[in-house]
Amino acid sequence: MALATGEPAQLISSDLIERKIYVIRGQKVMMDADLAALYQVPTKSLNLGVRRNKIRFPDDFMFQLTPEEAEALRFQVETSSSGGHGGRRYLPYAFTQEGVAMLSSILRSDRAIQVNIAIMRTFVKLREILASHQDLAGKIESLERKYSQHDQQIQVIFDAIKELLQPPQPPPPRRRIGFAGSANH
């Protein structure tokens, strides 16, 4: 896709990008396969470019998931299994905001530039939302201290609001359904 210089392009929505940002090891990250899809390159090619430029990607820019993290992520987003045909044969890589920014130095297409701009704007938007939530949480705590001494019903409201401000927890792994007996009857 060729873009004219300076032409603003809305290639992808910030909502789509937000759905591709996960919190792993306490950091907001995007997965290699999701980034490759956004850049419209094969995941294998993206990771090869990263390996060829390893010096640009220290551990705080990019890290490889552990088998447990990969399994938890697989359950969270319901991706295909890694065994058999068509699945991943290696553990995925997670890129922090800085790592995503560094990708623009190895992916030099116009699309990569526009996608990186959209991703950076989304990360900034999420940071602003988080800051406003923290500010709101502080104000709620102040009100709680002021009014909770007077009425227990108000405390219930404050507890409910605090619960709404917590980030969602990933769902527990699903239990397999089916017969687990022996094949010989």
C-alpha atoms as a PDB file:
ATOM      1  CA  MET A   1       0.000   0.000   0.000  1.00  0.00           C
ATOM      2  CA  ALA A   2       1.616   3.256  -1.065  1.00  0.00           C
ATOM      3  CA  LEU A   3       0.782   6.356   0.903  1.00  0.00           C
ATOM      4  CA  ALA A   4       1.512   9.891  -0.207  1.00  0.00           C
ATOM      5  CA  THR A   5       4.011  11.687   2.025  1.00  0.00           C
ATOM      6  CA  GLY A   6       2.249  13.530   4.814  1.00  0.00           C
ATOM      7  CA  GLU A   7      -1.087  11.890   4.021  1.00  0.00           C
ATOM      8  CA  PRO A   8      -2.835  10.945   7.266  1.00  0.00           C
ATOM      9  CA  ALA A   9      -3.954   7.365   7.080  1.00  0.00           C
ATOM     10  CA  GLN A  10      -6.391   5.716   9.438  1.00  0.00           C
ATOM     11  CA  LEU A  11      -5.221   2.197   8.730  1.00  0.00           C
ATOM     12  CA  ILE A  12      -6.471   0.667  11.951  1.00  0.00           C
ATOM     13  CA  SER A  13      -8.697   1.787  14.762  1.00  0.00           C
ATOM     14  CA  SER A  14      -7.367   2.464  18.233  1.00  0.00           C
ATOM     15  CA  ASP A  15     -10.043   0.056  19.539  1.00  0.00           C
ATOM     16  CA  LEU A  16      -8.487  -2.758  17.514  1.00  0.00           C
ATOM     17  CA  ILE A  17      -5.031  -1.879  18.841  1.00  0.00           C
ATOM     18  CA  GLU A  18      -6.331  -1.680  22.434  1.00  0.00           C
ATOM     19  CA  ARG A  19      -7.678  -5.236  22.108  1.00  0.00           C
ATOM     20  CA  LYS A  20      -4.181  -6.368  21.080  1.00  0.00           C
ATOM     21  CA  ILE A  21      -2.446  -4.897  24.152  1.00  0.00           C
ATOM     22  CA  TYR A  22      -1.967  -7.320  27.039  1.00  0.00           C
ATOM     23  CA  VAL A  23      -0.455  -6.945  30.483  1.00  0.00           C
ATOM     24  CA  ILE A  24       2.278  -9.537  30.962  1.00  0.00           C
ATOM     25  CA  ARG A  25       4.871  -9.353  33.736  1.00  0.00           C
ATOM     26  CA  GLY A  26       3.295  -6.063  34.798  1.00  0.00           C
ATOM     27  CA  GLN A  27       3.982  -4.421  31.422  1.00  0.00           C
ATOM     28  CA  LYS A  28       1.675  -3.443  28.587  1.00  0.00           C
ATOM     29  CA  VAL A  29       2.822  -5.427  25.557  1.00  0.00           C
ATOM     30  CA  MET A  30       1.802  -6.441  22.052  1.00  0.00           C
ATOM     31  CA  MET A  31       2.458  -9.921  20.711  1.00  0.00           C
ATOM     32  CA  ASP A  32       4.614 -10.643  17.661  1.00  0.00           C
ATOM     33  CA  ALA A  33       1.774 -12.298  15.707  1.00  0.00           C
ATOM     34  CA  ASP A  34      -0.602  -9.369  16.347  1.00  0.00           C
ATOM     35  CA  LEU A  35       2.048  -6.849  15.273  1.00  0.00           C
ATOM     36  CA  ALA A  36       2.872  -8.866  12.168  1.00  0.00           C
ATOM     37  CA  ALA A  37      -0.827  -8.920  11.213  1.00  0.00           C
ATOM     38  CA  LEU A  38      -1.074  -5.140  11.678  1.00  0.00           C
ATOM     39  CA  TYR A  39       2.066  -4.573   9.586  1.00  0.00           C
ATOM     40  CA  GLN A  40       0.821  -7.134   7.033  1.00  0.00           C
ATOM     41  CA  VAL A  41       3.999  -9.218   7.178  1.00  0.00           C
ATOM     42  CA  PRO A  42       4.435 -12.864   8.190  1.00  0.00           C
ATOM     43  CA  THR A  43       5.245 -13.344  11.889  1.00  0.00           C
ATOM     44  CA  LYS A  44       8.293 -15.339  10.850  1.00  0.00           C
ATOM     45  CA  SER A  45       9.608 -12.354   8.844  1.00  0.00           C
ATOM     46  CA  LEU A  46       9.010  -9.912  11.701  1.00  0.00           C
ATOM     47  CA  ASN A  47      10.863 -12.155  14.160  1.00  0.00           C
ATOM     48  CA  LEU A  48      13.695 -12.739  11.678  1.00  0.00           C
ATOM     49  CA  GLY A  49      14.154  -8.972  11.331  1.00  0.00           C
ATOM     50  CA  VAL A  50      14.221  -8.655  15.119  1.00  0.00           C
ATOM     51  CA  ARG A  51      16.797 -11.466  15.450  1.00  0.00           C
ATOM     52  CA  ARG A  52      18.995  -9.809  12.822  1.00  0.00           C
ATOM     53  CA  ASN A  53      18.828  -6.566  14.850  1.00  0.00           C
ATOM     54  CA  LYS A  54      18.944  -8.118  18.345  1.00  0.00           C
ATOM     55  CA  ILE A  55      21.064  -5.244  19.714  1.00  0.00           C
ATOM     56  CA  ARG A  56      18.068  -2.902  19.178  1.00  0.00           C
ATOM     57  CA  PHE A  57      15.807  -5.014  21.410  1.00  0.00           C
ATOM     58  CA  PRO A  58      17.016  -5.266  25.023  1.00  0.00           C
ATOM     59  CA  ASP A  59      14.914  -7.187  27.562  1.00  0.00           C
ATOM     60  CA  ASP A  60      12.882  -4.100  28.502  1.00  0.00           C
ATOM     61  CA  PHE A  61      11.858  -3.667  24.830  1.00  0.00           C
ATOM     62  CA  MET A  62      11.030  -7.300  24.027  1.00  0.00           C
ATOM     63  CA  PHE A  63      10.954 -10.665  25.776  1.00  0.00           C
ATOM     64  CA  GLN A  64       9.982 -14.224  24.939  1.00  0.00           C
ATOM     65  CA  LEU A  65       7.060 -15.679  26.870  1.00  0.00           C
ATOM     66  CA  THR A  66       7.530 -18.652  29.156  1.00  0.00           C
ATOM     67  CA  PRO A  67       5.523 -21.803  28.341  1.00  0.00           C
ATOM     68  CA  GLU A  68       3.145 -20.947  31.230  1.00  0.00           C
ATOM     69  CA  GLU A  69       2.627 -17.365  29.990  1.00  0.00           C
ATOM     70  CA  ALA A  70       2.043 -18.590  26.438  1.00  0.00           C
ATOM     71  CA  GLU A  71      -0.529 -21.130  27.647  1.00  0.00           C
ATOM     72  CA  ALA A  72      -2.328 -18.507  29.761  1.00  0.00           C
ATOM     73  CA  LEU A  73      -2.389 -16.136  26.796  1.00  0.00           C
ATOM     74  CA  ARG A  74      -3.656 -18.908  24.527  1.00  0.00           C
ATOM     75  CA  PHE A  75      -6.588 -19.519  26.876  1.00  0.00           C
ATOM     76  CA  GLN A  76      -7.230 -15.781  27.192  1.00  0.00           C
ATOM     77  CA  VAL A  77      -7.478 -15.166  23.443  1.00  0.00           C
ATOM     78  CA  GLU A  78      -8.566 -18.682  22.407  1.00  0.00           C
ATOM     79  CA  THR A  79      -5.859 -19.270  19.800  1.00  0.00           C
ATOM     80  CA  SER A  80      -4.996 -22.582  18.219  1.00  0.00           C
ATOM     81  CA  SER A  81      -2.848 -25.051  20.094  1.00  0.00           C
ATOM     82  CA  SER A  82       0.900 -25.175  19.553  1.00  0.00           C
ATOM     83  CA  GLY A  83       0.891 -28.920  18.901  1.00  0.00           C
ATOM     84  CA  GLY A  84       0.077 -30.569  15.597  1.00  0.00           C
ATOM     85  CA  HIS A  85      -0.040 -28.825  12.240  1.00  0.00           C
ATOM     86  CA  GLY A  86      -0.565 -25.113  11.791  1.00  0.00           C
ATOM     87  CA  GLY A  87       0.314 -24.035  15.347  1.00  0.00           C
ATOM     88  CA  ARG A  88       3.345 -22.106  16.573  1.00  0.00           C
ATOM     89  CA  ARG A  89       6.460 -24.139  17.067  1.00  0.00           C
ATOM     90  CA  TYR A  90       8.206 -21.582  19.287  1.00  0.00           C
ATOM     91  CA  LEU A  91       7.228 -19.339  22.163  1.00  0.00           C
ATOM     92  CA  PRO A  92       5.845 -15.929  21.138  1.00  0.00           C
ATOM     93  CA  TYR A  93       7.625 -12.636  21.704  1.00  0.00           C
ATOM     94  CA  ALA A  94       6.066  -9.701  23.560  1.00  0.00           C
ATOM     95  CA  PHE A  95       7.022  -6.126  22.637  1.00  0.00           C
ATOM     96  CA  THR A  96       6.734  -3.206  25.056  1.00  0.00           C
ATOM     97  CA  GLN A  97       5.896   0.279  23.785  1.00  0.00           C
ATOM     98  CA  GLU A  98       9.598   0.964  23.328  1.00  0.00           C
ATOM     99  CA  GLY A  99      10.028  -2.291  21.412  1.00  0.00           C
ATOM    100  CA  VAL A 100       7.142  -1.423  19.111  1.00  0.00           C
ATOM    101  CA  ALA A 101       8.744   1.971  18.457  1.00  0.00           C
ATOM    102  CA  MET A 102      12.051   0.236  17.657  1.00  0.00           C
ATOM    103  CA  LEU A 103      10.293  -1.982  15.111  1.00  0.00           C
ATOM    104  CA  SER A 104       9.918   1.090  12.898  1.00  0.00           C
ATOM    105  CA  SER A 105      13.715   1.119  12.497  1.00  0.00           C
ATOM    106  CA  ILE A 106      13.728  -2.364  10.959  1.00  0.00           C
ATOM    107  CA  LEU A 107      10.362  -2.300   9.129  1.00  0.00           C
ATOM    108  CA  ARG A 108      10.741   0.560   6.688  1.00  0.00           C
ATOM    109  CA  SER A 109       7.465   0.504   4.767  1.00  0.00           C
ATOM    110  CA  ASP A 110       4.967   3.355   4.726  1.00  0.00           C
ATOM    111  CA  ARG A 111       2.440   1.017   6.331  1.00  0.00           C
ATOM    112  CA  ALA A 112       4.847   0.223   9.189  1.00  0.00           C
ATOM    113  CA  ILE A 113       5.311   3.939   9.851  1.00  0.00           C
ATOM    114  CA  GLN A 114       1.547   4.604   9.881  1.00  0.00           C
ATOM    115  CA  VAL A 115       0.816   1.537  12.038  1.00  0.00           C
ATOM    116  CA  ASN A 116       3.523   2.570  14.529  1.00  0.00           C
ATOM    117  CA  ILE A 117       2.043   6.061  14.775  1.00  0.00           C
ATOM    118  CA  ALA A 118      -1.398   4.570  15.493  1.00  0.00           C
ATOM    119  CA  ILE A 119       0.059   2.185  18.099  1.00  0.00           C
ATOM    120  CA  MET A 120       2.016   4.951  19.864  1.00  0.00           C
ATOM    121  CA  ARG A 121      -1.114   7.113  20.014  1.00  0.00           C
ATOM    122  CA  THR A 122      -3.045   4.201  21.521  1.00  0.00           C
ATOM    123  CA  PHE A 123      -0.376   3.578  24.184  1.00  0.00           C
ATOM    124  CA  VAL A 124      -0.480   7.291  25.098  1.00  0.00           C
ATOM    125  CA  LYS A 125      -4.299   7.192  25.245  1.00  0.00           C
ATOM    126  CA  LEU A 126      -4.180   4.167  27.583  1.00  0.00           C
ATOM    127  CA  ARG A 127      -1.618   5.894  29.808  1.00  0.00           C
ATOM    128  CA  GLU A 128      -3.901   8.954  30.043  1.00  0.00           C
ATOM    129  CA  ILE A 129      -6.892   6.756  30.911  1.00  0.00           C
ATOM    130  CA  LEU A 130      -4.868   4.991  33.601  1.00  0.00           C
ATOM    131  CA  ALA A 131      -3.742   8.319  35.059  1.00  0.00           C
ATOM    132  CA  SER A 132      -7.328   9.583  35.179  1.00  0.00           C
ATOM    133  CA  HIS A 133      -8.408   6.335  36.893  1.00  0.00           C
ATOM    134  CA  GLN A 134      -5.666   6.746  39.489  1.00  0.00           C
ATOM    135  CA  ASP A 135      -6.749  10.351  40.063  1.00  0.00           C
ATOM    136  CA  LEU A 136     -10.364   9.225  40.390  1.00  0.00           C
ATOM    137  CA  ALA A 137      -9.342   6.429  42.785  1.00  0.00           C
ATOM    138  CA  GLY A 138      -7.546   9.000  44.971  1.00  0.00           C
ATOM    139  CA  LYS A 139     -10.610  11.239  45.064  1.00  0.00           C
ATOM    140  CA  ILE A 140     -12.829   8.275  45.931  1.00  0.00           C
ATOM    141  CA  GLU A 141     -10.500   7.297  48.771  1.00  0.00           C
ATOM    142  CA  SER A 142     -10.624  10.846  50.116  1.00  0.00           C
ATOM    143  CA  LEU A 143     -14.429  10.852  50.011  1.00  0.00           C
ATOM    144  CA  GLU A 144     -14.488   7.420  51.598  1.00  0.00           C
ATOM    145  CA  ARG A 145     -12.400   8.591  54.542  1.00  0.00           C
ATOM    146  CA  LYS A 146     -14.660  11.616  54.920  1.00  0.00           C
ATOM    147  CA  TYR A 147     -18.027   9.826  54.759  1.00  0.00           C
ATOM    148  CA  SER A 148     -17.485   6.178  55.653  1.00  0.00           C
ATOM    149  CA  GLN A 149     -17.471   6.979  59.359  1.00  0.00           C
ATOM    150  CA  HIS A 150     -21.059   8.189  59.062  1.00  0.00           C
ATOM    151  CA  ASP A 151     -22.821   5.509  57.147  1.00  0.00           C
ATOM    152  CA  GLN A 152     -22.153   1.851  56.376  1.00  0.00           C
ATOM    153  CA  GLN A 153     -24.293   1.968  53.211  1.00  0.00           C
ATOM    154  CA  ILE A 154     -21.939   4.534  51.693  1.00  0.00           C
ATOM    155  CA  GLN A 155     -19.061   2.118  52.354  1.00  0.00           C
ATOM    156  CA  VAL A 156     -20.791  -0.503  50.195  1.00  0.00           C
ATOM    157  CA  ILE A 157     -20.990   2.019  47.342  1.00  0.00           C
ATOM    158  CA  PHE A 158     -17.299   2.914  47.695  1.00  0.00           C
ATOM    159  CA  ASP A 159     -16.342  -0.774  47.672  1.00  0.00           C
ATOM    160  CA  ALA A 160     -18.361  -1.333  44.498  1.00  0.00           C
ATOM    161  CA  ILE A 161     -16.748   1.665  42.766  1.00  0.00           C
ATOM    162  CA  LYS A 162     -13.262   0.487  43.749  1.00  0.00           C
ATOM    163  CA  GLU A 163     -14.019  -2.946  42.332  1.00  0.00           C
ATOM    164  CA  LEU A 164     -15.102  -1.371  39.026  1.00  0.00           C
ATOM    165  CA  LEU A 165     -11.789   0.509  38.816  1.00  0.00           C
ATOM    166  CA  GLN A 166      -9.746  -2.721  39.055  1.00  0.00           C
ATOM    167  CA  PRO A 167      -8.443  -4.141  35.745  1.00  0.00           C
ATOM    168  CA  PRO A 168     -10.267  -7.267  34.587  1.00  0.00           C
ATOM    169  CA  GLN A 169      -8.704 -10.589  35.580  1.00  0.00           C
ATOM    170  CA  PRO A 170      -8.092 -13.212  32.891  1.00  0.00           C
ATOM    171  CA  PRO A 171     -10.613 -16.040  32.969  1.00  0.00           C
ATOM    172  CA  PRO A 172      -9.523 -19.278  34.657  1.00  0.00           C
ATOM    173  CA  PRO A 173      -8.417 -22.074  32.311  1.00  0.00           C
ATOM    174  CA  ARG A 174     -11.320 -24.041  30.920  1.00  0.00           C
ATOM    175  CA  ARG A 175     -11.872 -27.595  32.071  1.00  0.00           C
ATOM    176  CA  ARG A 176     -11.704 -30.133  29.270  1.00  0.00           C
ATOM    177  CA  ILE A 177     -14.928 -31.979  28.590  1.00  0.00           C
ATOM    178  CA  GLY A 178     -15.001 -35.526  27.308  1.00  0.00           C
ATOM    179  CA  PHE A 179     -14.325 -39.120  28.139  1.00  0.00           C
ATOM    180  CA  ALA A 180     -10.912 -39.729  29.728  1.00  0.00           C
ATOM    181  CA  GLY A 181     -11.168 -43.536  30.024  1.00  0.00           C
ATOM    182  CA  SER A 182      -9.052 -46.131  28.301  1.00  0.00           C
ATOM    183  CA  ALA A 183      -9.447 -46.880  24.599  1.00  0.00           C
ATOM    184  CA  ASN A 184      -9.569 -50.649  25.216  1.00  0.00           C
ATOM    185  CA  HIS A 185     -12.936 -51.831  26.503  1.00  0.00           C
END
